[in-house]
């Protein structure tokens, strides 16, 4: 799925860096260990940990983009 199709109904508040909306996204994960090449990582604040701490790990595992909570 193209990134532009994935976010078409989402209000984007802010972006960092250059965004290629034609980027092909192969998978979506909220666990950085499950991030793979061309995947999207969704960082959420959970009951046990804050997913924002794992963005770097997700990118190292191949994630092309990270979605974060705005706070």
PDB file of N, CA and C in Angstrom:
ATOM      1  N   UNK A   1       0.846  -1.166   0.000  1.00  0.00           N
ATOM      2  CA  UNK A   1       0.000   0.000   0.000  1.00  0.00           C
ATOM      3  C   UNK A   1       0.900   1.241   0.000  1.00  0.00           C
ATOM      4  N   UNK A   2       0.506   2.229  -0.727  1.00  0.00           N
ATOM      5  CA  UNK A   2       1.246   3.494  -0.765  1.00  0.00           C
ATOM      6  C   UNK A   2       0.976   4.291   0.518  1.00  0.00           C
ATOM      7  N   UNK A   3       1.990   5.000   0.974  1.00  0.00           N
ATOM      8  CA  UNK A   3       1.843   5.832   2.166  1.00  0.00           C
ATOM      9  C   UNK A   3       0.694   6.817   2.005  1.00  0.00           C
ATOM     10  N   UNK A   4       0.567   7.400   0.828  1.00  0.00           N
ATOM     11  CA  UNK A   4      -0.510   8.383   0.607  1.00  0.00           C
ATOM     12  C   UNK A   4      -1.889   7.759   0.826  1.00  0.00           C
ATOM     13  N   UNK A   5      -2.057   6.477   0.510  1.00  0.00           N
ATOM     14  CA  UNK A   5      -3.332   5.803   0.726  1.00  0.00           C
ATOM     15  C   UNK A   5      -3.529   5.477   2.203  1.00  0.00           C
ATOM     16  N   UNK A   6      -2.439   5.197   2.880  1.00  0.00           N
ATOM     17  CA  UNK A   6      -2.494   4.858   4.297  1.00  0.00           C
ATOM     18  C   UNK A   6      -2.911   6.055   5.150  1.00  0.00           C
ATOM     19  N   UNK A   7      -2.470   7.249   4.766  1.00  0.00           N
ATOM     20  CA  UNK A   7      -2.722   8.442   5.588  1.00  0.00           C
ATOM     21  C   UNK A   7      -3.811   9.359   5.042  1.00  0.00           C
ATOM     22  N   UNK A   8      -4.494   8.947   3.996  1.00  0.00           N
ATOM     23  CA  UNK A   8      -5.442   9.849   3.342  1.00  0.00           C
ATOM     24  C   UNK A   8      -6.565  10.331   4.250  1.00  0.00           C
ATOM     25  N   UNK A   9      -6.926   9.580   5.288  1.00  0.00           N
ATOM     26  CA  UNK A   9      -8.008   9.988   6.190  1.00  0.00           C
ATOM     27  C   UNK A   9      -7.495  10.389   7.572  1.00  0.00           C
ATOM     28  N   UNK A  10      -6.197  10.672   7.657  1.00  0.00           N
ATOM     29  CA  UNK A  10      -5.585  11.043   8.927  1.00  0.00           C
ATOM     30  C   UNK A  10      -5.214  12.524   8.893  1.00  0.00           C
ATOM     31  N   UNK A  11      -5.525  13.229   9.959  1.00  0.00           N
ATOM     32  CA  UNK A  11      -5.096  14.626  10.079  1.00  0.00           C
ATOM     33  C   UNK A  11      -3.633  14.624  10.501  1.00  0.00           C
ATOM     34  N   UNK A  12      -2.764  15.056   9.613  1.00  0.00           N
ATOM     35  CA  UNK A  12      -1.339  15.116   9.911  1.00  0.00           C
ATOM     36  C   UNK A  12      -1.050  16.472  10.531  1.00  0.00           C
ATOM     37  N   UNK A  13      -0.567  16.458  11.760  1.00  0.00           N
ATOM     38  CA  UNK A  13      -0.316  17.697  12.485  1.00  0.00           C
ATOM     39  C   UNK A  13       1.066  18.248  12.159  1.00  0.00           C
ATOM     40  N   UNK A  14       2.049  17.358  12.065  1.00  0.00           N
ATOM     41  CA  UNK A  14       3.415  17.802  11.814  1.00  0.00           C
ATOM     42  C   UNK A  14       4.203  16.665  11.191  1.00  0.00           C
ATOM     43  N   UNK A  15       5.154  16.994  10.340  1.00  0.00           N
ATOM     44  CA  UNK A  15       6.062  16.002   9.777  1.00  0.00           C
ATOM     45  C   UNK A  15       7.494  16.454  10.003  1.00  0.00           C
ATOM     46  N   UNK A  16       8.405  15.522  10.029  1.00  0.00           N
ATOM     47  CA  UNK A  16       9.839  15.802  10.150  1.00  0.00           C
ATOM     48  C   UNK A  16      10.522  15.142   8.961  1.00  0.00           C
ATOM     49  N   UNK A  17      11.387  15.866   8.297  1.00  0.00           N
ATOM     50  CA  UNK A  17      12.117  15.304   7.165  1.00  0.00           C
ATOM     51  C   UNK A  17      11.290  15.310   5.901  1.00  0.00           C
ATOM     52  N   UNK A  18      11.897  14.807   4.853  1.00  0.00           N
ATOM     53  CA  UNK A  18      11.229  14.712   3.553  1.00  0.00           C
ATOM     54  C   UNK A  18      10.341  13.476   3.527  1.00  0.00           C
ATOM     55  N   UNK A  19       9.095  13.663   3.172  1.00  0.00           N
ATOM     56  CA  UNK A  19       8.133  12.564   3.131  1.00  0.00           C
ATOM     57  C   UNK A  19       7.838  12.220   1.677  1.00  0.00           C
ATOM     58  N   UNK A  20       8.056  10.963   1.313  1.00  0.00           N
ATOM     59  CA  UNK A  20       7.711  10.464  -0.023  1.00  0.00           C
ATOM     60  C   UNK A  20       6.372   9.746   0.093  1.00  0.00           C
ATOM     61  N   UNK A  21       5.304  10.427  -0.288  1.00  0.00           N
ATOM     62  CA  UNK A  21       3.973   9.847  -0.145  1.00  0.00           C
ATOM     63  C   UNK A  21       3.714   8.704  -1.128  1.00  0.00           C
ATOM     64  N   UNK A  22       4.617   8.481  -2.065  1.00  0.00           N
ATOM     65  CA  UNK A  22       4.515   7.332  -2.964  1.00  0.00           C
ATOM     66  C   UNK A  22       5.266   6.122  -2.429  1.00  0.00           C
ATOM     67  N   UNK A  23       5.821   6.244  -1.219  1.00  0.00           N
ATOM     68  CA  UNK A  23       6.535   5.158  -0.572  1.00  0.00           C
ATOM     69  C   UNK A  23       5.630   3.942  -0.414  1.00  0.00           C
ATOM     70  N   UNK A  24       6.140   2.782  -0.752  1.00  0.00           N
ATOM     71  CA  UNK A  24       5.382   1.533  -0.599  1.00  0.00           C
ATOM     72  C   UNK A  24       5.578   1.010   0.827  1.00  0.00           C
ATOM     73  N   UNK A  25       4.484   0.812   1.548  1.00  0.00           N
ATOM     74  CA  UNK A  25       4.520   0.297   2.917  1.00  0.00           C
ATOM     75  C   UNK A  25       4.073  -1.164   2.877  1.00  0.00           C
ATOM     76  N   UNK A  26       4.954  -2.051   3.351  1.00  0.00           N
ATOM     77  CA  UNK A  26       4.671  -3.483   3.268  1.00  0.00           C
ATOM     78  C   UNK A  26       3.975  -4.035   4.509  1.00  0.00           C
ATOM     79  N   UNK A  27       4.122  -3.340   5.651  1.00  0.00           N
ATOM     80  CA  UNK A  27       3.589  -3.863   6.905  1.00  0.00           C
ATOM     81  C   UNK A  27       3.490  -2.712   7.910  1.00  0.00           C
ATOM     82  N   UNK A  28       2.683  -2.896   8.945  1.00  0.00           N
ATOM     83  CA  UNK A  28       2.556  -1.919  10.019  1.00  0.00           C
ATOM     84  C   UNK A  28       2.752  -2.655  11.335  1.00  0.00           C
ATOM     85  N   UNK A  29       3.561  -2.063  12.232  1.00  0.00           N
ATOM     86  CA  UNK A  29       3.843  -2.709  13.505  1.00  0.00           C
ATOM     87  C   UNK A  29       3.932  -1.682  14.619  1.00  0.00           C
ATOM     88  N   UNK A  30       3.541  -2.082  15.824  1.00  0.00           N
ATOM     89  CA  UNK A  30       3.741  -1.236  16.997  1.00  0.00           C
ATOM     90  C   UNK A  30       4.835  -1.803  17.895  1.00  0.00           C
ATOM     91  N   UNK A  31       5.443  -2.921  17.471  1.00  0.00           N
ATOM     92  CA  UNK A  31       6.568  -3.520  18.183  1.00  0.00           C
ATOM     93  C   UNK A  31       7.802  -3.374  17.295  1.00  0.00           C
ATOM     94  N   UNK A  32       8.808  -2.644  17.758  1.00  0.00           N
ATOM     95  CA  UNK A  32       9.989  -2.373  16.933  1.00  0.00           C
ATOM     96  C   UNK A  32      10.711  -3.651  16.517  1.00  0.00           C
ATOM     97  N   UNK A  33      10.592  -4.710  17.328  1.00  0.00           N
ATOM     98  CA  UNK A  33      11.230  -5.989  16.987  1.00  0.00           C
ATOM     99  C   UNK A  33      10.597  -6.613  15.743  1.00  0.00           C
ATOM    100  N   UNK A  34       9.348  -6.250  15.462  1.00  0.00           N
ATOM    101  CA  UNK A  34       8.646  -6.798  14.303  1.00  0.00           C
ATOM    102  C   UNK A  34       8.755  -5.907  13.074  1.00  0.00           C
ATOM    103  N   UNK A  35       9.437  -4.784  13.202  1.00  0.00           N
ATOM    104  CA  UNK A  35       9.613  -3.880  12.056  1.00  0.00           C
ATOM    105  C   UNK A  35      10.526  -4.541  11.032  1.00  0.00           C
ATOM    106  N   UNK A  36      10.152  -4.411   9.781  1.00  0.00           N
ATOM    107  CA  UNK A  36      10.919  -5.002   8.691  1.00  0.00           C
ATOM    108  C   UNK A  36      11.108  -3.969   7.587  1.00  0.00           C
ATOM    109  N   UNK A  37      11.845  -4.345   6.577  1.00  0.00           N
ATOM    110  CA  UNK A  37      12.104  -3.444   5.450  1.00  0.00           C
ATOM    111  C   UNK A  37      10.787  -2.900   4.891  1.00  0.00           C
ATOM    112  N   UNK A  38      10.749  -1.603   4.691  1.00  0.00           N
ATOM    113  CA  UNK A  38       9.594  -0.901   4.108  1.00  0.00           C
ATOM    114  C   UNK A  38       8.328  -0.944   4.960  1.00  0.00           C
ATOM    115  N   UNK A  39       8.478  -1.170   6.261  1.00  0.00           N
ATOM    116  CA  UNK A  39       7.300  -1.179   7.127  1.00  0.00           C
ATOM    117  C   UNK A  39       7.103   0.200   7.763  1.00  0.00           C
ATOM    118  N   UNK A  40       5.962   0.373   8.393  1.00  0.00           N
ATOM    119  CA  UNK A  40       5.661   1.575   9.166  1.00  0.00           C
ATOM    120  C   UNK A  40       5.626   1.179  10.632  1.00  0.00           C
ATOM    121  N   UNK A  41       6.219   1.991  11.482  1.00  0.00           N
ATOM    122  CA  UNK A  41       6.217   1.753  12.925  1.00  0.00           C
ATOM    123  C   UNK A  41       5.293   2.767  13.577  1.00  0.00           C
ATOM    124  N   UNK A  42       4.411   2.297  14.447  1.00  0.00           N
ATOM    125  CA  UNK A  42       3.490   3.165  15.164  1.00  0.00           C
ATOM    126  C   UNK A  42       3.914   3.182  16.635  1.00  0.00           C
ATOM    127  N   UNK A  43       4.393   4.337  17.096  1.00  0.00           N
ATOM    128  CA  UNK A  43       4.844   4.481  18.480  1.00  0.00           C
ATOM    129  C   UNK A  43       3.672   4.927  19.345  1.00  0.00           C
ATOM    130  N   UNK A  44       3.328   4.104  20.325  1.00  0.00           N
ATOM    131  CA  UNK A  44       2.223   4.433  21.223  1.00  0.00           C
ATOM    132  C   UNK A  44       2.693   4.326  22.672  1.00  0.00           C
ATOM    133  N   UNK A  45       2.040   5.076  23.519  1.00  0.00           N
ATOM    134  CA  UNK A  45       2.325   4.996  24.947  1.00  0.00           C
ATOM    135  C   UNK A  45       1.450   3.889  25.516  1.00  0.00           C
ATOM    136  N   UNK A  46       2.092   2.843  26.037  1.00  0.00           N
ATOM    137  CA  UNK A  46       1.371   1.706  26.588  1.00  0.00           C
ATOM    138  C   UNK A  46       1.366   1.721  28.101  1.00  0.00           C
ATOM    139  N   UNK A  47       0.835   0.666  28.695  1.00  0.00           N
ATOM    140  CA  UNK A  47       0.787   0.564  30.153  1.00  0.00           C
ATOM    141  C   UNK A  47       2.158   0.258  30.751  1.00  0.00           C
ATOM    142  N   UNK A  48       3.008  -0.458  29.980  1.00  0.00           N
ATOM    143  CA  UNK A  48       4.303  -0.869  30.521  1.00  0.00           C
ATOM    144  C   UNK A  48       5.463  -0.034  29.996  1.00  0.00           C
ATOM    145  N   UNK A  49       5.362   0.481  28.787  1.00  0.00           N
ATOM    146  CA  UNK A  49       6.467   1.239  28.203  1.00  0.00           C
ATOM    147  C   UNK A  49       5.947   2.243  27.186  1.00  0.00           C
ATOM    148  N   UNK A  50       6.826   3.116  26.783  1.00  0.00           N
ATOM    149  CA  UNK A  50       6.493   4.142  25.800  1.00  0.00           C
ATOM    150  C   UNK A  50       7.148   3.774  24.476  1.00  0.00           C
ATOM    151  N   UNK A  51       6.350   3.502  23.469  1.00  0.00           N
ATOM    152  CA  UNK A  51       6.852   3.083  22.167  1.00  0.00           C
ATOM    153  C   UNK A  51       7.762   4.096  21.505  1.00  0.00           C
ATOM    154  N   UNK A  52       7.702   5.351  21.935  1.00  0.00           N
ATOM    155  CA  UNK A  52       8.563   6.377  21.364  1.00  0.00           C
ATOM    156  C   UNK A  52      10.037   6.083  21.644  1.00  0.00           C
ATOM    157  N   UNK A  53      10.320   5.320  22.690  1.00  0.00           N
ATOM    158  CA  UNK A  53      11.699   4.941  23.018  1.00  0.00           C
ATOM    159  C   UNK A  53      12.291   3.989  21.986  1.00  0.00           C
ATOM    160  N   UNK A  54      11.456   3.364  21.172  1.00  0.00           N
ATOM    161  CA  UNK A  54      11.898   2.304  20.272  1.00  0.00           C
ATOM    162  C   UNK A  54      11.899   2.701  18.795  1.00  0.00           C
ATOM    163  N   UNK A  55      11.694   3.974  18.521  1.00  0.00           N
ATOM    164  CA  UNK A  55      11.678   4.425  17.125  1.00  0.00           C
ATOM    165  C   UNK A  55      13.005   4.121  16.445  1.00  0.00           C
ATOM    166  N   UNK A  56      14.110   4.423  17.109  1.00  0.00           N
ATOM    167  CA  UNK A  56      15.428   4.166  16.523  1.00  0.00           C
ATOM    168  C   UNK A  56      15.594   2.674  16.203  1.00  0.00           C
ATOM    169  N   UNK A  57      15.160   1.803  17.116  1.00  0.00           N
ATOM    170  CA  UNK A  57      15.249   0.359  16.882  1.00  0.00           C
ATOM    171  C   UNK A  57      14.420  -0.049  15.667  1.00  0.00           C
ATOM    172  N   UNK A  58      13.232   0.520  15.534  1.00  0.00           N
ATOM    173  CA  UNK A  58      12.363   0.191  14.399  1.00  0.00           C
ATOM    174  C   UNK A  58      13.023   0.588  13.086  1.00  0.00           C
ATOM    175  N   UNK A  59      13.618   1.775  13.057  1.00  0.00           N
ATOM    176  CA  UNK A  59      14.297   2.238  11.846  1.00  0.00           C
ATOM    177  C   UNK A  59      15.487   1.338  11.537  1.00  0.00           C
ATOM    178  N   UNK A  60      16.243   0.964  12.565  1.00  0.00           N
ATOM    179  CA  UNK A  60      17.383   0.055  12.375  1.00  0.00           C
ATOM    180  C   UNK A  60      16.940  -1.294  11.829  1.00  0.00           C
ATOM    181  N   UNK A  61      15.716  -1.710  12.174  1.00  0.00           N
ATOM    182  CA  UNK A  61      15.185  -2.993  11.692  1.00  0.00           C
ATOM    183  C   UNK A  61      14.545  -2.879  10.313  1.00  0.00           C
ATOM    184  N   UNK A  62      14.515  -1.668   9.749  1.00  0.00           N
ATOM    185  CA  UNK A  62      14.035  -1.508   8.379  1.00  0.00           C
ATOM    186  C   UNK A  62      12.816  -0.642   8.184  1.00  0.00           C
ATOM    187  N   UNK A  63      12.190  -0.186   9.264  1.00  0.00           N
ATOM    188  CA  UNK A  63      11.003   0.650   9.113  1.00  0.00           C
ATOM    189  C   UNK A  63      11.348   1.910   8.317  1.00  0.00           C
ATOM    190  N   UNK A  64      10.484   2.270   7.407  1.00  0.00           N
ATOM    191  CA  UNK A  64      10.701   3.440   6.558  1.00  0.00           C
ATOM    192  C   UNK A  64      10.121   4.712   7.149  1.00  0.00           C
ATOM    193  N   UNK A  65       9.158   4.554   8.039  1.00  0.00           N
ATOM    194  CA  UNK A  65       8.467   5.711   8.605  1.00  0.00           C
ATOM    195  C   UNK A  65       7.957   5.354   9.995  1.00  0.00           C
ATOM    196  N   UNK A  66       7.846   6.371  10.846  1.00  0.00           N
ATOM    197  CA  UNK A  66       7.293   6.172  12.185  1.00  0.00           C
ATOM    198  C   UNK A  66       6.146   7.153  12.392  1.00  0.00           C
ATOM    199  N   UNK A  67       5.065   6.642  12.918  1.00  0.00           N
ATOM    200  CA  UNK A  67       3.932   7.475  13.314  1.00  0.00           C
ATOM    201  C   UNK A  67       4.007   7.615  14.819  1.00  0.00           C
ATOM    202  N   UNK A  68       3.851   8.840  15.310  1.00  0.00           N
ATOM    203  CA  UNK A  68       3.979   9.080  16.742  1.00  0.00           C
ATOM    204  C   UNK A  68       2.751   9.793  17.275  1.00  0.00           C
ATOM    205  N   UNK A  69       2.556   9.674  18.586  1.00  0.00           N
ATOM    206  CA  UNK A  69       1.489  10.412  19.234  1.00  0.00           C
ATOM    207  C   UNK A  69       1.957  11.841  19.399  1.00  0.00           C
ATOM    208  N   UNK A  70       1.084  12.761  19.208  1.00  0.00           N
ATOM    209  CA  UNK A  70       1.407  14.176  19.349  1.00  0.00           C
ATOM    210  C   UNK A  70       1.021  14.587  20.757  1.00  0.00           C
ATOM    211  N   UNK A  71       2.027  14.986  21.521  1.00  0.00           N
ATOM    212  CA  UNK A  71       1.731  15.403  22.893  1.00  0.00           C
ATOM    213  C   UNK A  71       2.613  16.542  23.304  1.00  0.00           C
TER     214      UNK A  71
END
